[in-house]
Amino acid sequence: MARAATSERGAPEARSDGDGGAEAGRRLRPGDPGHPGAWQPPSGASRRSVDAIDDALGGSSGRPYVTFAEPDTSPWTSAESDGDVRRRPRPTGARAAAMAACVVLGVGLIGGAAAGSWLTGDSGPDDTRVGFAAAGALWHGVPVDELFPPTVQGEGAGPGGTDRTWTRVAVAPDSGCADAFDPLLRQALAPVGCLRLLRATYTDATRSNVTTVGLMFTKADATGMATLKAHFARDGLDRRTDLMPRPYAAKGTVAAGFGADQRASWTISVLTDVPVVVYAVSGFADGRTVTEPQPADDAMRSDATTAPAQAGLGHEAQGLADRIERGLRKTAASASEQPS
């Protein structure tokens, strides 16, 4: 005869004697009719109890007959531990393929990022400091023709996108900055210190314009250069006529008459990736005095009507400064890659 026993948790445990023991002790699986929680169609007794409640409450015994749908029957595996009947999805071909694709994609992204960093030369803070210091030493370790090429091509640098060609006519001896700048500009540049100044003067293909371009190597670090750049931008120091750079007038050349009164347009650029201030100032080769000098940005505007703008002197200053600056950055990058 069947009898009830109590487990350690106090719950009754079914036991049986005789031939029915194996059947009674068999573990019920989800979906078996006798398993708790398995879907079962409503029995007649449960239906009769519902009708009895309707009669007692005075409700209609003809309310709709509602049942729940059968549960999901997708592939599953049974748990190994006793009493654990939670459904566990069995891996399918589609799921395995999706997982494999995710792994491949993740590995590819990581590998691509690493390769891109290597190819583009992305570096950490230490490498950046080394490159910055190497650039600061270029003034005495690089041939002048590399910093100031004898001929500079300015594709699309002229008004309306026309091409320009500049020919170097003179190179100034490397020097300090004491006599190279007007007092106010020298004062504005003082926070970064002047290590060395390199200058060269060019003329255009028609020899009607002259332009001096300069590279002032500073004593500052990257933070100091960034601070100076922000100061120039905030106070518009690169646009003030009392802060125009001085030209380099070389005797016996087309630029012999290029003095302070002949300055027509200029540009000043404070770099932050190398400790250098790049500038250029342009004027007429015939030595005429300019009464209304104009910053290169303004003189390059299509609606500008000043004499420097009409002569394209804003384009001369900006175009030449941009190309000397690009060459400097290229040289600095090569120097930082060389083993010390």
C-alpha atoms as a PDB file:
ATOM      1  CA  MET A   1       0.000   0.000   0.000  1.00  0.00           C
ATOM      2  CA  ALA A   2       1.252   3.537  -0.827  1.00  0.00           C
ATOM      3  CA  ARG A   3       2.221   5.690   2.107  1.00  0.00           C
ATOM      4  CA  ALA A   4       3.577   9.239   2.532  1.00  0.00           C
ATOM      5  CA  ALA A   5       6.960  10.032   4.050  1.00  0.00           C
ATOM      6  CA  THR A   6       8.415  13.468   4.919  1.00  0.00           C
ATOM      7  CA  SER A   7      11.682  14.702   3.310  1.00  0.00           C
ATOM      8  CA  GLU A   8      14.281  16.892   5.048  1.00  0.00           C
ATOM      9  CA  ARG A   9      12.353  19.946   3.953  1.00  0.00           C
ATOM     10  CA  GLY A  10       9.096  18.613   5.345  1.00  0.00           C
ATOM     11  CA  ALA A  11       7.478  17.992   1.945  1.00  0.00           C
ATOM     12  CA  PRO A  12       5.676  14.668   1.495  1.00  0.00           C
ATOM     13  CA  GLU A  13       7.568  12.211  -0.703  1.00  0.00           C
ATOM     14  CA  ALA A  14       5.666   9.572  -2.669  1.00  0.00           C
ATOM     15  CA  ARG A  15       6.665   5.936  -2.078  1.00  0.00           C
ATOM     16  CA  SER A  16       5.102   2.657  -3.034  1.00  0.00           C
ATOM     17  CA  ASP A  17       5.448  -0.974  -2.270  1.00  0.00           C
ATOM     18  CA  GLY A  18       5.142  -3.824  -4.629  1.00  0.00           C
ATOM     19  CA  ASP A  19       5.113  -3.869  -8.378  1.00  0.00           C
ATOM     20  CA  GLY A  20       4.048  -0.239  -8.750  1.00  0.00           C
ATOM     21  CA  GLY A  21       7.220   1.152  -7.145  1.00  0.00           C
ATOM     22  CA  ALA A  22       9.171   1.646 -10.360  1.00  0.00           C
ATOM     23  CA  GLU A  23       6.353   3.515 -12.044  1.00  0.00           C
ATOM     24  CA  ALA A  24       5.672   5.656  -8.974  1.00  0.00           C
ATOM     25  CA  GLY A  25       9.348   6.506  -8.548  1.00  0.00           C
ATOM     26  CA  ARG A  26       9.839   7.526 -12.189  1.00  0.00           C
ATOM     27  CA  ARG A  27      10.687  11.228 -12.497  1.00  0.00           C
ATOM     28  CA  LEU A  28       8.067  13.149 -14.387  1.00  0.00           C
ATOM     29  CA  ARG A  29       9.286  15.271 -17.323  1.00  0.00           C
ATOM     30  CA  PRO A  30       7.807  18.522 -18.589  1.00  0.00           C
ATOM     31  CA  GLY A  31       5.008  17.731 -20.946  1.00  0.00           C
ATOM     32  CA  ASP A  32       4.028  14.500 -19.165  1.00  0.00           C
ATOM     33  CA  PRO A  33       0.394  14.584 -18.180  1.00  0.00           C
ATOM     34  CA  GLY A  34       1.209  14.089 -14.519  1.00  0.00           C
ATOM     35  CA  HIS A  35       3.964  16.675 -14.326  1.00  0.00           C
ATOM     36  CA  PRO A  36       3.136  19.758 -12.213  1.00  0.00           C
ATOM     37  CA  GLY A  37       2.644  22.787 -14.406  1.00  0.00           C
ATOM     38  CA  ALA A  38       2.229  20.779 -17.603  1.00  0.00           C
ATOM     39  CA  TRP A  39      -0.560  21.865 -19.855  1.00  0.00           C
ATOM     40  CA  GLN A  40      -3.765  19.962 -19.333  1.00  0.00           C
ATOM     41  CA  PRO A  41      -7.130  20.434 -20.964  1.00  0.00           C
ATOM     42  CA  PRO A  42      -9.807  21.495 -18.521  1.00  0.00           C
ATOM     43  CA  SER A  43     -11.529  18.545 -16.959  1.00  0.00           C
ATOM     44  CA  GLY A  44     -15.230  18.088 -16.561  1.00  0.00           C
ATOM     45  CA  ALA A  45     -14.957  18.537 -12.824  1.00  0.00           C
ATOM     46  CA  SER A  46     -13.217  21.929 -13.175  1.00  0.00           C
ATOM     47  CA  ARG A  47     -15.886  22.996 -15.643  1.00  0.00           C
ATOM     48  CA  ARG A  48     -18.630  21.944 -13.312  1.00  0.00           C
ATOM     49  CA  SER A  49     -17.049  23.939 -10.483  1.00  0.00           C
ATOM     50  CA  VAL A  50     -17.102  27.055 -12.645  1.00  0.00           C
ATOM     51  CA  ASP A  51     -20.795  26.543 -13.400  1.00  0.00           C
ATOM     52  CA  ALA A  52     -21.500  26.124  -9.685  1.00  0.00           C
ATOM     53  CA  ILE A  53     -19.812  29.447  -8.923  1.00  0.00           C
ATOM     54  CA  ASP A  54     -21.870  31.118 -11.634  1.00  0.00           C
ATOM     55  CA  ASP A  55     -25.065  29.759 -10.107  1.00  0.00           C
ATOM     56  CA  ALA A  56     -24.094  30.924  -6.627  1.00  0.00           C
ATOM     57  CA  LEU A  57     -23.230  34.428  -7.826  1.00  0.00           C
ATOM     58  CA  GLY A  58     -26.266  34.713 -10.042  1.00  0.00           C
ATOM     59  CA  GLY A  59     -24.129  35.060 -13.162  1.00  0.00           C
ATOM     60  CA  SER A  60     -24.708  33.556 -16.535  1.00  0.00           C
ATOM     61  CA  SER A  61     -23.609  29.988 -16.981  1.00  0.00           C
ATOM     62  CA  GLY A  62     -23.041  30.636 -20.663  1.00  0.00           C
ATOM     63  CA  ARG A  63     -19.873  32.718 -20.429  1.00  0.00           C
ATOM     64  CA  PRO A  64     -17.176  31.907 -22.990  1.00  0.00           C
ATOM     65  CA  TYR A  65     -15.132  28.814 -22.561  1.00  0.00           C
ATOM     66  CA  VAL A  66     -11.476  29.924 -22.421  1.00  0.00           C
ATOM     67  CA  THR A  67      -8.310  27.832 -22.313  1.00  0.00           C
ATOM     68  CA  PHE A  68      -4.620  28.684 -22.561  1.00  0.00           C
ATOM     69  CA  ALA A  69      -2.563  27.726 -25.579  1.00  0.00           C
ATOM     70  CA  GLU A  70      -0.098  24.908 -25.458  1.00  0.00           C
ATOM     71  CA  PRO A  71       3.398  25.887 -24.282  1.00  0.00           C
ATOM     72  CA  ASP A  72       6.391  26.309 -26.580  1.00  0.00           C
ATOM     73  CA  THR A  73       7.693  22.988 -27.812  1.00  0.00           C
ATOM     74  CA  SER A  74      11.006  24.184 -29.252  1.00  0.00           C
ATOM     75  CA  PRO A  75      14.071  21.970 -28.652  1.00  0.00           C
ATOM     76  CA  TRP A  76      15.204  21.813 -25.073  1.00  0.00           C
ATOM     77  CA  THR A  77      17.354  19.717 -22.824  1.00  0.00           C
ATOM     78  CA  SER A  78      16.507  18.569 -19.356  1.00  0.00           C
ATOM     79  CA  ALA A  79      18.555  19.639 -16.368  1.00  0.00           C
ATOM     80  CA  GLU A  80      20.887  17.108 -14.762  1.00  0.00           C
ATOM     81  CA  SER A  81      20.224  18.075 -11.172  1.00  0.00           C
ATOM     82  CA  ASP A  82      17.291  16.577  -9.361  1.00  0.00           C
ATOM     83  CA  GLY A  83      14.163  18.629  -9.413  1.00  0.00           C
ATOM     84  CA  ASP A  84      15.455  21.206 -11.947  1.00  0.00           C
ATOM     85  CA  VAL A  85      12.980  21.233 -14.791  1.00  0.00           C
ATOM     86  CA  ARG A  86      13.802  24.611 -16.314  1.00  0.00           C
ATOM     87  CA  ARG A  87      13.953  24.684 -20.099  1.00  0.00           C
ATOM     88  CA  ARG A  88      17.427  24.988 -21.552  1.00  0.00           C
ATOM     89  CA  PRO A  89      17.756  25.840 -25.265  1.00  0.00           C
ATOM     90  CA  ARG A  90      19.619  23.348 -27.349  1.00  0.00           C
ATOM     91  CA  PRO A  91      22.148  25.059 -29.669  1.00  0.00           C
ATOM     92  CA  THR A  92      20.919  25.132 -33.226  1.00  0.00           C
ATOM     93  CA  GLY A  93      22.869  25.597 -36.454  1.00  0.00           C
ATOM     94  CA  ALA A  94      21.688  29.188 -36.909  1.00  0.00           C
ATOM     95  CA  ARG A  95      22.586  30.145 -33.340  1.00  0.00           C
ATOM     96  CA  ALA A  96      26.025  28.576 -33.605  1.00  0.00           C
ATOM     97  CA  ALA A  97      26.677  30.393 -36.884  1.00  0.00           C
ATOM     98  CA  ALA A  98      25.650  33.731 -35.363  1.00  0.00           C
ATOM     99  CA  MET A  99      27.962  33.171 -32.388  1.00  0.00           C
ATOM    100  CA  ALA A 100      30.847  32.324 -34.699  1.00  0.00           C
ATOM    101  CA  ALA A 101      30.207  35.435 -36.786  1.00  0.00           C
ATOM    102  CA  CYS A 102      30.285  37.631 -33.670  1.00  0.00           C
ATOM    103  CA  VAL A 103      33.608  36.133 -32.601  1.00  0.00           C
ATOM    104  CA  VAL A 104      35.132  36.662 -36.039  1.00  0.00           C
ATOM    105  CA  LEU A 105      33.837  40.251 -36.190  1.00  0.00           C
ATOM    106  CA  GLY A 106      35.216  41.068 -32.745  1.00  0.00           C
ATOM    107  CA  VAL A 107      38.636  39.652 -33.538  1.00  0.00           C
ATOM    108  CA  GLY A 108      38.655  41.537 -36.833  1.00  0.00           C
ATOM    109  CA  LEU A 109      37.832  44.864 -35.187  1.00  0.00           C
ATOM    110  CA  ILE A 110      40.550  44.452 -32.568  1.00  0.00           C
ATOM    111  CA  GLY A 111      43.108  43.405 -35.147  1.00  0.00           C
ATOM    112  CA  GLY A 112      42.108  46.220 -37.482  1.00  0.00           C
ATOM    113  CA  ALA A 113      42.447  48.819 -34.740  1.00  0.00           C
ATOM    114  CA  ALA A 114      45.895  47.542 -33.833  1.00  0.00           C
ATOM    115  CA  ALA A 115      47.022  47.478 -37.454  1.00  0.00           C
ATOM    116  CA  GLY A 116      45.614  50.954 -38.116  1.00  0.00           C
ATOM    117  CA  SER A 117      47.444  52.376 -35.125  1.00  0.00           C
ATOM    118  CA  TRP A 118      50.686  50.851 -36.371  1.00  0.00           C
ATOM    119  CA  LEU A 119      50.230  51.990 -39.969  1.00  0.00           C
ATOM    120  CA  THR A 120      49.226  55.558 -39.120  1.00  0.00           C
ATOM    121  CA  GLY A 121      51.934  55.946 -36.517  1.00  0.00           C
ATOM    122  CA  ASP A 122      49.584  56.751 -33.632  1.00  0.00           C
ATOM    123  CA  SER A 123      51.708  57.125 -30.553  1.00  0.00           C
ATOM    124  CA  GLY A 124      51.407  57.560 -26.854  1.00  0.00           C
ATOM    125  CA  PRO A 125      52.380  60.541 -24.691  1.00  0.00           C
ATOM    126  CA  ASP A 126      56.053  59.480 -24.476  1.00  0.00           C
ATOM    127  CA  ASP A 127      56.418  59.259 -28.249  1.00  0.00           C
ATOM    128  CA  THR A 128      54.708  62.623 -28.635  1.00  0.00           C
ATOM    129  CA  ARG A 129      57.178  64.271 -26.256  1.00  0.00           C
ATOM    130  CA  VAL A 130      60.108  62.713 -28.093  1.00  0.00           C
ATOM    131  CA  GLY A 131      58.787  63.956 -31.451  1.00  0.00           C
ATOM    132  CA  PHE A 132      58.195  67.437 -30.034  1.00  0.00           C
ATOM    133  CA  ALA A 133      61.761  67.633 -28.716  1.00  0.00           C
ATOM    134  CA  ALA A 134      63.188  66.317 -31.994  1.00  0.00           C
ATOM    135  CA  ALA A 135      61.312  68.992 -33.934  1.00  0.00           C
ATOM    136  CA  GLY A 136      62.783  71.678 -31.697  1.00  0.00           C
ATOM    137  CA  ALA A 137      66.287  70.709 -32.801  1.00  0.00           C
ATOM    138  CA  LEU A 138      65.639  70.927 -36.530  1.00  0.00           C
ATOM    139  CA  TRP A 139      67.022  74.440 -36.844  1.00  0.00           C
ATOM    140  CA  HIS A 140      70.629  73.199 -36.549  1.00  0.00           C
ATOM    141  CA  GLY A 141      70.318  69.646 -37.881  1.00  0.00           C
ATOM    142  CA  VAL A 142      68.473  70.048 -41.192  1.00  0.00           C
ATOM    143  CA  PRO A 143      69.856  71.553 -44.427  1.00  0.00           C
ATOM    144  CA  VAL A 144      68.429  74.939 -45.280  1.00  0.00           C
ATOM    145  CA  ASP A 145      67.184  73.655 -48.633  1.00  0.00           C
ATOM    146  CA  GLU A 146      64.919  71.247 -46.789  1.00  0.00           C
ATOM    147  CA  LEU A 147      63.339  73.911 -44.619  1.00  0.00           C
ATOM    148  CA  PHE A 148      63.348  76.594 -47.326  1.00  0.00           C
ATOM    149  CA  PRO A 149      63.386  74.880 -50.741  1.00  0.00           C
ATOM    150  CA  PRO A 150      64.901  76.911 -53.596  1.00  0.00           C
ATOM    151  CA  THR A 151      61.588  76.583 -55.453  1.00  0.00           C
ATOM    152  CA  VAL A 152      58.142  76.115 -53.914  1.00  0.00           C
ATOM    153  CA  GLN A 153      55.175  75.022 -55.991  1.00  0.00           C
ATOM    154  CA  GLY A 154      51.792  76.449 -54.962  1.00  0.00           C
ATOM    155  CA  GLU A 155      49.180  74.481 -56.829  1.00  0.00           C
ATOM    156  CA  GLY A 156      45.867  76.318 -56.494  1.00  0.00           C
ATOM    157  CA  ALA A 157      47.378  78.835 -54.076  1.00  0.00           C
ATOM    158  CA  GLY A 158      46.631  81.971 -56.075  1.00  0.00           C
ATOM    159  CA  PRO A 159      43.408  83.972 -56.451  1.00  0.00           C
ATOM    160  CA  GLY A 160      40.659  81.904 -58.028  1.00  0.00           C
ATOM    161  CA  GLY A 161      42.627  78.711 -57.467  1.00  0.00           C
ATOM    162  CA  THR A 162      45.418  79.637 -59.850  1.00  0.00           C
ATOM    163  CA  ASP A 163      48.825  78.055 -59.434  1.00  0.00           C
ATOM    164  CA  ARG A 164      51.792  79.838 -57.943  1.00  0.00           C
ATOM    165  CA  THR A 165      55.545  79.274 -58.092  1.00  0.00           C
ATOM    166  CA  TRP A 166      57.909  80.955 -55.651  1.00  0.00           C
ATOM    167  CA  THR A 167      61.663  81.225 -56.051  1.00  0.00           C
ATOM    168  CA  ARG A 168      63.965  81.799 -53.104  1.00  0.00           C
ATOM    169  CA  VAL A 169      66.102  84.916 -53.487  1.00  0.00           C
ATOM    170  CA  ALA A 170      67.772  85.122 -50.061  1.00  0.00           C
ATOM    171  CA  VAL A 171      68.262  83.251 -46.809  1.00  0.00           C
ATOM    172  CA  ALA A 172      68.989  85.224 -43.639  1.00  0.00           C
ATOM    173  CA  PRO A 173      71.669  83.972 -41.247  1.00  0.00           C
ATOM    174  CA  ASP A 174      70.083  82.129 -38.319  1.00  0.00           C
ATOM    175  CA  SER A 175      69.811  84.493 -35.397  1.00  0.00           C
ATOM    176  CA  GLY A 176      67.939  85.428 -32.292  1.00  0.00           C
ATOM    177  CA  CYS A 177      64.742  87.464 -32.248  1.00  0.00           C
ATOM    178  CA  ALA A 178      65.903  90.712 -30.691  1.00  0.00           C
ATOM    179  CA  ASP A 179      65.918  92.727 -33.908  1.00  0.00           C
ATOM    180  CA  ALA A 180      63.637  90.538 -36.006  1.00  0.00           C
ATOM    181  CA  PHE A 181      60.271  91.704 -34.666  1.00  0.00           C
ATOM    182  CA  ASP A 182      58.614  94.952 -33.760  1.00  0.00           C
ATOM    183  CA  PRO A 183      58.518  95.496 -29.975  1.00  0.00           C
ATOM    184  CA  LEU A 184      54.859  94.598 -29.531  1.00  0.00           C
ATOM    185  CA  LEU A 185      55.131  91.333 -31.480  1.00  0.00           C
ATOM    186  CA  ARG A 186      58.312  90.436 -29.613  1.00  0.00           C
ATOM    187  CA  GLN A 187      56.430  91.015 -26.356  1.00  0.00           C
ATOM    188  CA  ALA A 188      53.497  88.852 -27.508  1.00  0.00           C
ATOM    189  CA  LEU A 189      55.857  85.972 -28.377  1.00  0.00           C
ATOM    190  CA  ALA A 190      57.946  86.308 -25.209  1.00  0.00           C
ATOM    191  CA  PRO A 191      56.040  83.671 -23.139  1.00  0.00           C
ATOM    192  CA  VAL A 192      57.359  80.835 -25.335  1.00  0.00           C
ATOM    193  CA  GLY A 193      60.905  82.207 -25.652  1.00  0.00           C
ATOM    194  CA  CYS A 194      62.947  82.518 -28.821  1.00  0.00           C
ATOM    195  CA  LEU A 195      65.446  79.715 -29.325  1.00  0.00           C
ATOM    196  CA  ARG A 196      66.366  80.491 -32.932  1.00  0.00           C
ATOM    197  CA  LEU A 197      64.912  82.345 -35.911  1.00  0.00           C
ATOM    198  CA  LEU A 198      65.253  81.186 -39.520  1.00  0.00           C
ATOM    199  CA  ARG A 199      64.096  83.376 -42.438  1.00  0.00           C
ATOM    200  CA  ALA A 200      64.053  83.333 -46.219  1.00  0.00           C
ATOM    201  CA  THR A 201      62.630  85.679 -48.835  1.00  0.00           C
ATOM    202  CA  TYR A 202      60.917  84.525 -52.034  1.00  0.00           C
ATOM    203  CA  THR A 203      59.532  86.162 -55.146  1.00  0.00           C
ATOM    204  CA  ASP A 204      56.757  85.067 -57.456  1.00  0.00           C
ATOM    205  CA  ALA A 205      57.133  83.982 -61.090  1.00  0.00           C
ATOM    206  CA  THR A 206      56.571  87.546 -62.351  1.00  0.00           C
ATOM    207  CA  ARG A 207      59.042  88.991 -59.817  1.00  0.00           C
ATOM    208  CA  SER A 208      56.480  91.633 -58.928  1.00  0.00           C
ATOM    209  CA  ASN A 209      55.802  90.406 -55.382  1.00  0.00           C
ATOM    210  CA  VAL A 210      58.147  89.457 -52.550  1.00  0.00           C
ATOM    211  CA  THR A 211      57.419  87.429 -49.429  1.00  0.00           C
ATOM    212  CA  THR A 212      59.489  86.719 -46.332  1.00  0.00           C
ATOM    213  CA  VAL A 213      58.668  83.512 -44.477  1.00  0.00           C
ATOM    214  CA  GLY A 214      60.028  82.813 -40.995  1.00  0.00           C
ATOM    215  CA  LEU A 215      60.324  79.897 -38.572  1.00  0.00           C
ATOM    216  CA  MET A 216      60.746  80.914 -34.955  1.00  0.00           C
ATOM    217  CA  PHE A 217      61.854  77.906 -32.902  1.00  0.00           C
ATOM    218  CA  THR A 218      60.724  78.368 -29.306  1.00  0.00           C
ATOM    219  CA  LYS A 219      61.807  77.115 -25.882  1.00  0.00           C
ATOM    220  CA  ALA A 220      58.278  76.116 -24.856  1.00  0.00           C
ATOM    221  CA  ASP A 221      56.702  72.711 -24.403  1.00  0.00           C
ATOM    222  CA  ALA A 222      53.423  71.604 -25.970  1.00  0.00           C
ATOM    223  CA  THR A 223      51.385  73.177 -23.177  1.00  0.00           C
ATOM    224  CA  GLY A 224      53.142  76.510 -23.586  1.00  0.00           C
ATOM    225  CA  MET A 225      52.556  76.491 -27.343  1.00  0.00           C
ATOM    226  CA  ALA A 226      48.877  75.646 -26.867  1.00  0.00           C
ATOM    227  CA  THR A 227      48.526  78.515 -24.397  1.00  0.00           C
ATOM    228  CA  LEU A 228      50.114  80.975 -26.814  1.00  0.00           C
ATOM    229  CA  LYS A 229      47.926  79.769 -29.682  1.00  0.00           C
ATOM    230  CA  ALA A 230      44.810  80.279 -27.560  1.00  0.00           C
ATOM    231  CA  HIS A 231      46.024  83.769 -26.589  1.00  0.00           C
ATOM    232  CA  PHE A 232      46.528  84.755 -30.237  1.00  0.00           C
ATOM    233  CA  ALA A 233      43.117  83.407 -31.217  1.00  0.00           C
ATOM    234  CA  ARG A 234      41.263  84.928 -28.266  1.00  0.00           C
ATOM    235  CA  ASP A 235      42.748  88.435 -28.627  1.00  0.00           C
ATOM    236  CA  GLY A 236      43.100  88.446 -32.409  1.00  0.00           C
ATOM    237  CA  LEU A 237      46.829  89.135 -32.205  1.00  0.00           C
ATOM    238  CA  ASP A 238      47.448  87.698 -35.652  1.00  0.00           C
ATOM    239  CA  ARG A 239      45.212  90.385 -37.188  1.00  0.00           C
ATOM    240  CA  ARG A 240      46.660  93.522 -35.608  1.00  0.00           C
ATOM    241  CA  THR A 241      48.679  95.766 -37.914  1.00  0.00           C
ATOM    242  CA  ASP A 242      50.968  96.718 -35.007  1.00  0.00           C
ATOM    243  CA  LEU A 243      51.964  93.063 -34.713  1.00  0.00           C
ATOM    244  CA  MET A 244      53.045  92.509 -38.328  1.00  0.00           C
ATOM    245  CA  PRO A 245      56.329  90.566 -38.720  1.00  0.00           C
ATOM    246  CA  ARG A 246      59.290  92.351 -40.232  1.00  0.00           C
ATOM    247  CA  PRO A 247      60.496  91.337 -43.721  1.00  0.00           C
ATOM    248  CA  TYR A 248      64.016  90.298 -44.637  1.00  0.00           C
ATOM    249  CA  ALA A 249      65.356  92.623 -47.336  1.00  0.00           C
ATOM    250  CA  ALA A 250      68.461  91.214 -48.994  1.00  0.00           C
ATOM    251  CA  LYS A 251      70.767  93.595 -50.855  1.00  0.00           C
ATOM    252  CA  GLY A 252      71.331  92.918 -54.514  1.00  0.00           C
ATOM    253  CA  THR A 253      68.044  91.065 -54.904  1.00  0.00           C
ATOM    254  CA  VAL A 254      64.539  91.895 -56.044  1.00  0.00           C
ATOM    255  CA  ALA A 255      63.661  92.214 -52.354  1.00  0.00           C
ATOM    256  CA  ALA A 256      66.261  94.884 -51.609  1.00  0.00           C
ATOM    257  CA  GLY A 257      63.588  97.547 -51.058  1.00  0.00           C
ATOM    258  CA  PHE A 258      61.310  95.339 -48.952  1.00  0.00           C
ATOM    259  CA  GLY A 259      61.154  97.289 -45.694  1.00  0.00           C
ATOM    260  CA  ALA A 260      58.670  97.927 -42.912  1.00  0.00           C
ATOM    261  CA  ASP A 261      56.642 100.425 -44.942  1.00  0.00           C
ATOM    262  CA  GLN A 262      56.269  97.985 -47.800  1.00  0.00           C
ATOM    263  CA  ARG A 263      54.506  95.335 -45.734  1.00  0.00           C
ATOM    264  CA  ALA A 264      51.117  94.656 -47.337  1.00  0.00           C
ATOM    265  CA  SER A 265      49.732  91.360 -45.992  1.00  0.00           C
ATOM    266  CA  TRP A 266      50.790  88.812 -43.387  1.00  0.00           C
ATOM    267  CA  THR A 267      49.920  85.652 -41.504  1.00  0.00           C
ATOM    268  CA  ILE A 268      51.109  84.212 -38.178  1.00  0.00           C
ATOM    269  CA  SER A 269      50.541  80.580 -37.155  1.00  0.00           C
ATOM    270  CA  VAL A 270      51.383  79.206 -33.699  1.00  0.00           C
ATOM    271  CA  LEU A 271      51.904  75.457 -34.028  1.00  0.00           C
ATOM    272  CA  THR A 272      51.196  73.042 -31.185  1.00  0.00           C
ATOM    273  CA  ASP A 273      52.641  69.777 -32.522  1.00  0.00           C
ATOM    274  CA  VAL A 274      56.094  71.317 -32.946  1.00  0.00           C
ATOM    275  CA  PRO A 275      57.646  74.236 -30.986  1.00  0.00           C
ATOM    276  CA  VAL A 276      57.582  76.644 -33.912  1.00  0.00           C
ATOM    277  CA  VAL A 277      55.803  79.854 -34.890  1.00  0.00           C
ATOM    278  CA  VAL A 278      55.438  80.149 -38.661  1.00  0.00           C
ATOM    279  CA  TYR A 279      54.854  83.535 -40.253  1.00  0.00           C
ATOM    280  CA  ALA A 280      54.955  85.214 -43.641  1.00  0.00           C
ATOM    281  CA  VAL A 281      54.724  88.828 -44.779  1.00  0.00           C
ATOM    282  CA  SER A 282      54.363  89.981 -48.377  1.00  0.00           C
ATOM    283  CA  GLY A 283      54.744  93.227 -50.324  1.00  0.00           C
ATOM    284  CA  PHE A 284      55.430  94.757 -53.723  1.00  0.00           C
ATOM    285  CA  ALA A 285      58.829  94.172 -55.300  1.00  0.00           C
ATOM    286  CA  ASP A 286      59.016  97.755 -56.593  1.00  0.00           C
ATOM    287  CA  GLY A 287      59.270  99.092 -53.065  1.00  0.00           C
ATOM    288  CA  ARG A 288      55.997 101.042 -53.024  1.00  0.00           C
ATOM    289  CA  THR A 289      54.605 102.065 -49.653  1.00  0.00           C
ATOM    290  CA  VAL A 290      51.440 100.351 -48.493  1.00  0.00           C
ATOM    291  CA  THR A 291      49.099 102.523 -46.428  1.00  0.00           C
ATOM    292  CA  GLU A 292      46.427  99.932 -45.800  1.00  0.00           C
ATOM    293  CA  PRO A 293      47.990  96.555 -44.940  1.00  0.00           C
ATOM    294  CA  GLN A 294      45.545  93.715 -44.475  1.00  0.00           C
ATOM    295  CA  PRO A 295      45.708  90.286 -42.795  1.00  0.00           C
ATOM    296  CA  ALA A 296      45.965  87.453 -45.307  1.00  0.00           C
ATOM    297  CA  ASP A 297      42.597  85.986 -44.307  1.00  0.00           C
ATOM    298  CA  ASP A 298      40.873  89.271 -45.121  1.00  0.00           C
ATOM    299  CA  ALA A 299      42.876  89.990 -48.254  1.00  0.00           C
ATOM    300  CA  MET A 300      41.950  86.565 -49.655  1.00  0.00           C
ATOM    301  CA  ARG A 301      38.235  87.282 -49.526  1.00  0.00           C
ATOM    302  CA  SER A 302      36.548  87.514 -52.914  1.00  0.00           C
ATOM    303  CA  ASP A 303      34.951  90.844 -52.022  1.00  0.00           C
ATOM    304  CA  ALA A 304      38.150  92.478 -50.713  1.00  0.00           C
ATOM    305  CA  THR A 305      39.051  95.699 -52.567  1.00  0.00           C
ATOM    306  CA  THR A 306      42.264  96.849 -50.892  1.00  0.00           C
ATOM    307  CA  ALA A 307      45.494  97.108 -52.866  1.00  0.00           C
ATOM    308  CA  PRO A 308      47.014  94.026 -51.183  1.00  0.00           C
ATOM    309  CA  ALA A 309      43.888  92.030 -51.956  1.00  0.00           C
ATOM    310  CA  GLN A 310      43.716  93.137 -55.577  1.00  0.00           C
ATOM    311  CA  ALA A 311      47.382  92.246 -56.055  1.00  0.00           C
ATOM    312  CA  GLY A 312      46.922  88.804 -54.520  1.00  0.00           C
ATOM    313  CA  LEU A 313      49.381  89.514 -51.721  1.00  0.00           C
ATOM    314  CA  GLY A 314      47.164  87.793 -49.156  1.00  0.00           C
ATOM    315  CA  HIS A 315      47.389  84.612 -51.228  1.00  0.00           C
ATOM    316  CA  GLU A 316      51.159  85.088 -51.534  1.00  0.00           C
ATOM    317  CA  ALA A 317      51.691  85.243 -47.783  1.00  0.00           C
ATOM    318  CA  GLN A 318      49.239  82.492 -46.840  1.00  0.00           C
ATOM    319  CA  GLY A 319      50.140  80.141 -49.675  1.00  0.00           C
ATOM    320  CA  LEU A 320      53.867  80.251 -49.066  1.00  0.00           C
ATOM    321  CA  ALA A 321      53.514  79.986 -45.277  1.00  0.00           C
ATOM    322  CA  ASP A 322      51.250  76.949 -45.619  1.00  0.00           C
ATOM    323  CA  ARG A 323      53.729  75.076 -47.818  1.00  0.00           C
ATOM    324  CA  ILE A 324      56.763  75.863 -45.675  1.00  0.00           C
ATOM    325  CA  GLU A 325      54.746  74.713 -42.656  1.00  0.00           C
ATOM    326  CA  ARG A 326      53.814  71.429 -44.346  1.00  0.00           C
ATOM    327  CA  GLY A 327      57.433  70.783 -45.217  1.00  0.00           C
ATOM    328  CA  LEU A 328      58.452  71.482 -41.622  1.00  0.00           C
ATOM    329  CA  ARG A 329      55.925  69.004 -40.276  1.00  0.00           C
ATOM    330  CA  LYS A 330      57.072  66.360 -42.746  1.00  0.00           C
ATOM    331  CA  THR A 331      60.690  66.895 -41.762  1.00  0.00           C
ATOM    332  CA  ALA A 332      59.795  66.775 -38.070  1.00  0.00           C
ATOM    333  CA  ALA A 333      57.930  63.502 -38.531  1.00  0.00           C
ATOM    334  CA  SER A 334      60.935  61.959 -40.285  1.00  0.00           C
ATOM    335  CA  ALA A 335      63.290  63.162 -37.557  1.00  0.00           C
ATOM    336  CA  SER A 336      61.151  61.699 -34.771  1.00  0.00           C
ATOM    337  CA  GLU A 337      61.104  58.294 -36.497  1.00  0.00           C
ATOM    338  CA  GLN A 338      64.888  58.039 -36.742  1.00  0.00           C
ATOM    339  CA  PRO A 339      66.577  56.029 -33.947  1.00  0.00           C
ATOM    340  CA  SER A 340      68.342  58.140 -31.402  1.00  0.00           C
END
